[in-house]
Amino acid sequence: MSWIKRLWHRLGSPRWFYEMMQPWQTGFGFAALVLLLIGTVWGLAFAPADYQQGNSFRIIYAHVPMVVLAQSAYMMLGAAGLVLLVWRMKLADVAMVAIVPVGATVTALGLFSGAVWGRPTWGTWWEWTDARLVSTLVLLFLYLGVYALREAIPRAESAGRACALLAVVGLVNIPIIKYSVEWWTTLHQGATFTVTKMAMPLEMAAPLIVNVLGAYCLFGYLVILNMRTEILRRERDTQWVGALREAQHGI
């Protein structure tokens, strides 16, 4: 357990995190590029067409990774908010700043791709009676709310705690999104795949799984990139950032 304590202590150092995450950022970026390229080409060009929806179902290879990632990103946002509220760790606030724009973007893209898929499948772009659609829209509003709250509060520490509280409270929406198809009658089908079951043939599911993994790698790359950028902004007046700036400019 001593290594956990050492890691926890080091996470309190923005400089350590900035330096340690460089290879992880590169690795996640490379993995995302490879996985998303393979999964997308595989799904669009080689996976068989659906027997009911035909080729229109292929948007699943973009839609599902985005909506899965949107929920996972918010869970991470809520976890970072909890760490900030309980342990006052500055890096948790940095993580929240980094996650929000990525989470909001993938949620918006997930809603858009779902609407594009819904038009030929359901005959409508949007259906207000569908609980999953509405709860996912609420998720987007939560992301935007966290962003707006930070911008509205001038004092950085107070803004961070307010955003953390909203992020934690908003976690109640995640199980609503996940179980809405079981709790209520909706247009949405059940889960496409879980850890224990697969609701589609393997030749159709395999590229989807590859794209989901690629989406998580892309998320890791973007969040680490945003966190390292935010650390430099916050630590810009420190000696180590000054030395780093001088080294990059060859001074």
Protein backbone atom coordinates (compact mmCIF):
# COMPACT_ATOMS: atom_id res chain seq x y z
CA MET A 1 0.00 0.00 0.00
CA SER A 2 3.01 2.30 0.34
CA TRP A 3 3.18 2.83 -3.44
CA ILE A 4 -0.43 4.05 -3.40
CA LYS A 5 0.46 6.62 -0.75
CA ARG A 6 3.48 7.74 -2.76
CA LEU A 7 1.36 8.04 -5.91
CA TRP A 8 -1.33 9.97 -4.05
CA HIS A 9 1.30 12.33 -2.66
CA ARG A 10 2.84 12.85 -6.10
CA LEU A 11 -0.55 13.66 -7.60
CA GLY A 12 -0.45 16.78 -5.48
CA SER A 13 2.47 17.99 -7.60
CA PRO A 14 1.40 19.58 -10.92
CA ARG A 15 5.00 19.51 -12.13
CA TRP A 16 5.33 15.75 -11.55
CA PHE A 17 2.07 15.11 -13.37
CA TYR A 18 3.06 17.34 -16.30
CA GLU A 19 6.35 15.53 -16.81
CA MET A 20 5.05 12.02 -16.13
CA MET A 21 2.11 12.31 -18.56
CA GLN A 22 4.13 13.20 -21.68
CA PRO A 23 4.68 9.60 -22.85
CA TRP A 24 1.10 8.67 -21.90
CA GLN A 25 -0.21 11.51 -24.04
CA THR A 26 1.82 10.29 -27.01
CA GLY A 27 0.80 6.68 -26.46
CA PHE A 28 -2.89 7.44 -26.18
CA GLY A 29 -2.74 9.62 -29.29
CA PHE A 30 -1.05 6.92 -31.37
CA ALA A 31 -3.41 4.21 -30.11
CA ALA A 32 -6.46 6.37 -30.84
CA LEU A 33 -5.30 7.02 -34.40
CA VAL A 34 -4.67 3.34 -35.12
CA LEU A 35 -7.80 1.97 -33.43
CA LEU A 36 -10.22 4.54 -34.84
CA LEU A 37 -8.80 4.13 -38.34
CA ILE A 38 -9.06 0.33 -38.19
CA GLY A 39 -12.50 0.30 -36.54
CA THR A 40 -14.01 2.89 -38.87
CA VAL A 41 -12.75 1.32 -42.09
CA TRP A 42 -13.71 -2.15 -40.83
CA GLY A 43 -17.19 -1.05 -39.83
CA LEU A 44 -17.98 1.07 -42.88
CA ALA A 45 -16.43 -1.10 -45.58
CA PHE A 46 -16.27 -4.70 -44.38
CA ALA A 47 -18.93 -5.32 -41.72
CA PRO A 48 -22.16 -6.83 -43.12
CA ALA A 49 -25.25 -4.67 -43.48
CA ASP A 50 -28.05 -5.01 -40.94
CA TYR A 51 -30.92 -7.22 -42.13
CA GLN A 52 -33.51 -4.59 -41.15
CA GLN A 53 -31.78 -1.20 -41.38
CA GLY A 54 -29.43 -1.97 -44.24
CA ASN A 55 -26.39 0.29 -44.44
CA SER A 56 -27.96 3.08 -42.38
CA PHE A 57 -27.04 1.15 -39.22
CA ARG A 58 -23.34 1.86 -39.88
CA ILE A 59 -23.61 5.17 -38.04
CA ILE A 60 -23.51 2.97 -34.94
CA TYR A 61 -19.72 2.90 -35.33
CA ALA A 62 -19.62 6.63 -34.57
CA HIS A 63 -22.73 7.05 -32.41
CA VAL A 64 -22.20 4.36 -29.78
CA PRO A 65 -18.55 5.22 -28.99
CA MET A 66 -19.51 8.87 -28.49
CA VAL A 67 -22.48 8.27 -26.18
CA VAL A 68 -20.57 5.66 -24.17
CA LEU A 69 -17.65 8.05 -23.82
CA ALA A 70 -19.97 10.94 -22.90
CA GLN A 71 -21.25 9.03 -19.87
CA SER A 72 -17.83 7.74 -18.84
CA ALA A 73 -16.36 11.24 -19.11
CA TYR A 74 -19.05 12.62 -16.81
CA MET A 75 -18.38 9.84 -14.29
CA MET A 76 -14.73 10.90 -14.30
CA LEU A 77 -15.81 14.52 -13.94
CA GLY A 78 -17.91 13.62 -10.91
CA ALA A 79 -15.07 11.58 -9.41
CA ALA A 80 -12.67 14.51 -9.86
CA GLY A 81 -15.25 16.79 -8.25
CA LEU A 82 -15.53 14.46 -5.26
CA VAL A 83 -11.74 14.38 -4.84
CA LEU A 84 -11.65 18.17 -4.96
CA LEU A 85 -14.42 18.54 -2.38
CA VAL A 86 -12.99 15.98 0.05
CA TRP A 87 -9.20 16.29 -0.34
CA ARG A 88 -8.87 19.77 -1.94
CA MET A 89 -6.45 18.36 -4.51
CA LYS A 90 -5.59 21.02 -7.10
CA LEU A 91 -4.97 18.45 -9.80
CA ALA A 92 -8.60 17.32 -9.47
CA ASP A 93 -9.73 20.82 -10.41
CA VAL A 94 -7.34 20.77 -13.35
CA ALA A 95 -8.89 17.46 -14.43
CA MET A 96 -12.38 18.98 -14.28
CA VAL A 97 -11.31 21.88 -16.48
CA ALA A 98 -9.81 19.40 -18.96
CA ILE A 99 -12.76 16.99 -19.07
CA VAL A 100 -15.64 19.44 -19.54
CA PRO A 101 -14.97 20.57 -23.15
CA VAL A 102 -14.23 17.02 -24.29
CA GLY A 103 -17.30 15.62 -22.57
CA ALA A 104 -19.58 18.36 -23.88
CA THR A 105 -18.30 17.87 -27.44
CA VAL A 106 -18.78 14.10 -27.55
CA THR A 107 -22.23 14.43 -25.95
CA ALA A 108 -23.30 16.96 -28.58
CA LEU A 109 -21.90 14.76 -31.36
CA GLY A 110 -23.63 11.74 -29.85
CA LEU A 111 -26.98 13.56 -29.87
CA PHE A 112 -26.43 14.73 -33.44
CA SER A 113 -25.42 11.31 -34.75
CA GLY A 114 -28.37 9.78 -32.90
CA ALA A 115 -30.75 12.21 -34.61
CA VAL A 116 -29.24 11.37 -38.02
CA TRP A 117 -29.67 7.67 -37.27
CA GLY A 118 -33.18 8.15 -35.89
CA ARG A 119 -34.54 9.86 -39.00
CA PRO A 120 -34.44 6.77 -41.29
CA THR A 121 -34.94 4.30 -38.45
CA TRP A 122 -37.72 5.90 -36.39
CA GLY A 123 -39.01 8.38 -38.94
CA THR A 124 -38.17 11.36 -36.73
CA TRP A 125 -35.11 13.40 -35.79
CA TRP A 126 -36.15 13.75 -32.14
CA GLU A 127 -38.68 12.28 -29.77
CA TRP A 128 -39.34 14.05 -26.46
CA THR A 129 -41.03 10.97 -24.98
CA ASP A 130 -37.83 8.92 -25.30
CA ALA A 131 -36.22 8.93 -21.85
CA ARG A 132 -32.71 8.16 -23.10
CA LEU A 133 -32.75 11.04 -25.57
CA VAL A 134 -33.97 13.51 -22.95
CA SER A 135 -31.60 12.30 -20.22
CA THR A 136 -28.66 12.53 -22.64
CA LEU A 137 -29.72 16.09 -23.46
CA VAL A 138 -29.71 16.77 -19.70
CA LEU A 139 -26.15 15.40 -19.66
CA LEU A 140 -25.15 18.00 -22.24
CA PHE A 141 -26.77 20.73 -20.14
CA LEU A 142 -24.82 19.50 -17.10
CA TYR A 143 -21.53 19.80 -18.98
CA LEU A 144 -22.47 23.28 -20.19
CA GLY A 145 -23.65 24.19 -16.69
CA VAL A 146 -20.31 23.25 -15.15
CA TYR A 147 -18.51 25.32 -17.77
CA ALA A 148 -20.82 28.34 -17.33
CA LEU A 149 -20.58 28.16 -13.54
CA ARG A 150 -16.80 28.35 -13.64
CA GLU A 151 -16.93 31.33 -15.98
CA ALA A 152 -19.50 33.11 -13.80
CA ILE A 153 -17.57 32.92 -10.50
CA PRO A 154 -14.48 35.18 -10.48
CA ARG A 155 -12.65 33.54 -7.55
CA ALA A 156 -10.92 30.41 -8.84
CA GLU A 157 -11.18 28.37 -5.63
CA SER A 158 -14.88 29.11 -5.16
CA ALA A 159 -15.55 28.37 -8.83
CA GLY A 160 -13.81 25.02 -8.55
CA ARG A 161 -15.79 23.94 -5.50
CA ALA A 162 -19.10 25.07 -7.03
CA CYS A 163 -18.35 23.16 -10.23
CA ALA A 164 -17.33 20.10 -8.22
CA LEU A 165 -20.61 20.14 -6.31
CA LEU A 166 -22.65 20.41 -9.51
CA ALA A 167 -20.63 17.62 -11.13
CA VAL A 168 -21.18 15.29 -8.16
CA VAL A 169 -24.92 16.02 -7.97
CA GLY A 170 -25.23 15.49 -11.72
CA LEU A 171 -24.00 11.90 -11.37
CA VAL A 172 -27.57 10.92 -10.55
CA ASN A 173 -28.35 11.32 -14.26
CA ILE A 174 -25.92 8.56 -15.35
CA PRO A 175 -27.99 5.58 -14.13
CA ILE A 176 -31.08 7.25 -15.60
CA ILE A 177 -29.41 7.27 -19.03
CA LYS A 178 -28.20 3.70 -18.66
CA TYR A 179 -31.39 2.10 -17.35
CA SER A 180 -33.98 4.30 -19.06
CA VAL A 181 -34.66 1.63 -21.70
CA GLU A 182 -35.50 -0.83 -18.90
CA TRP A 183 -37.47 1.53 -16.65
CA TRP A 184 -39.62 3.09 -19.36
CA THR A 185 -40.93 2.30 -22.84
CA THR A 186 -38.59 4.07 -25.26
CA LEU A 187 -37.68 4.05 -28.94
CA HIS A 188 -34.14 3.07 -27.99
CA GLN A 189 -33.16 -0.57 -28.00
CA GLY A 190 -31.31 -2.18 -25.12
CA ALA A 191 -27.54 -2.23 -24.75
CA THR A 192 -25.70 -3.24 -27.92
CA PHE A 193 -23.04 -5.05 -25.90
CA THR A 194 -22.02 -5.46 -22.28
CA VAL A 195 -19.29 -7.36 -20.49
CA THR A 196 -21.43 -10.50 -20.38
CA LYS A 197 -23.57 -10.37 -23.53
CA MET A 198 -23.51 -9.36 -27.18
CA ALA A 199 -26.71 -8.21 -28.91
CA MET A 200 -25.25 -8.34 -32.43
CA PRO A 201 -23.14 -10.76 -34.49
CA LEU A 202 -19.43 -10.71 -33.77
CA GLU A 203 -18.55 -9.60 -37.31
CA MET A 204 -20.62 -6.45 -36.72
CA ALA A 205 -19.68 -5.98 -33.06
CA ALA A 206 -15.90 -6.37 -33.41
CA PRO A 207 -15.27 -3.07 -35.27
CA LEU A 208 -17.63 -1.33 -32.84
CA ILE A 209 -15.57 -2.55 -29.88
CA VAL A 210 -12.39 -1.39 -31.63
CA ASN A 211 -13.89 2.08 -32.12
CA VAL A 212 -15.05 2.25 -28.50
CA LEU A 213 -11.50 1.47 -27.36
CA GLY A 214 -10.21 4.07 -29.81
CA ALA A 215 -12.63 6.65 -28.45
CA TYR A 216 -11.37 6.05 -24.92
CA CYS A 217 -7.78 6.43 -26.12
CA LEU A 218 -8.71 9.69 -27.86
CA PHE A 219 -10.34 10.86 -24.64
CA GLY A 220 -7.18 10.03 -22.72
CA TYR A 221 -5.06 11.94 -25.21
CA LEU A 222 -7.28 15.04 -25.19
CA VAL A 223 -7.73 15.16 -21.42
CA ILE A 224 -4.01 14.78 -20.75
CA LEU A 225 -3.27 17.45 -23.37
CA ASN A 226 -5.80 19.80 -21.76
CA MET A 227 -4.51 19.07 -18.27
CA ARG A 228 -0.89 19.72 -19.21
CA THR A 229 -1.92 22.97 -20.92
CA GLU A 230 -3.93 24.05 -17.88
CA ILE A 231 -1.03 23.22 -15.56
CA LEU A 232 1.27 25.46 -17.61
CA ARG A 233 -1.29 28.25 -17.44
CA ARG A 234 -1.69 28.00 -13.67
CA GLU A 235 2.01 27.52 -12.97
CA ARG A 236 3.24 30.08 -15.50
CA ASP A 237 4.94 32.21 -12.84
CA THR A 238 6.82 29.34 -11.21
CA GLN A 239 10.52 28.69 -11.69
CA TRP A 240 10.10 25.27 -13.28
CA VAL A 241 7.76 26.55 -16.00
CA GLY A 242 10.17 29.42 -16.67
CA ALA A 243 13.02 26.95 -17.06
CA LEU A 244 10.89 24.79 -19.34
CA ARG A 245 10.02 27.79 -21.48
CA GLU A 246 13.68 28.74 -21.78
CA ALA A 247 14.65 25.17 -22.72
CA GLN A 248 11.98 25.02 -25.43
CA HIS A 249 13.21 28.27 -26.94
CA GLY A 250 16.84 27.21 -26.69
CA ILE A 251 17.80 30.03 -24.31
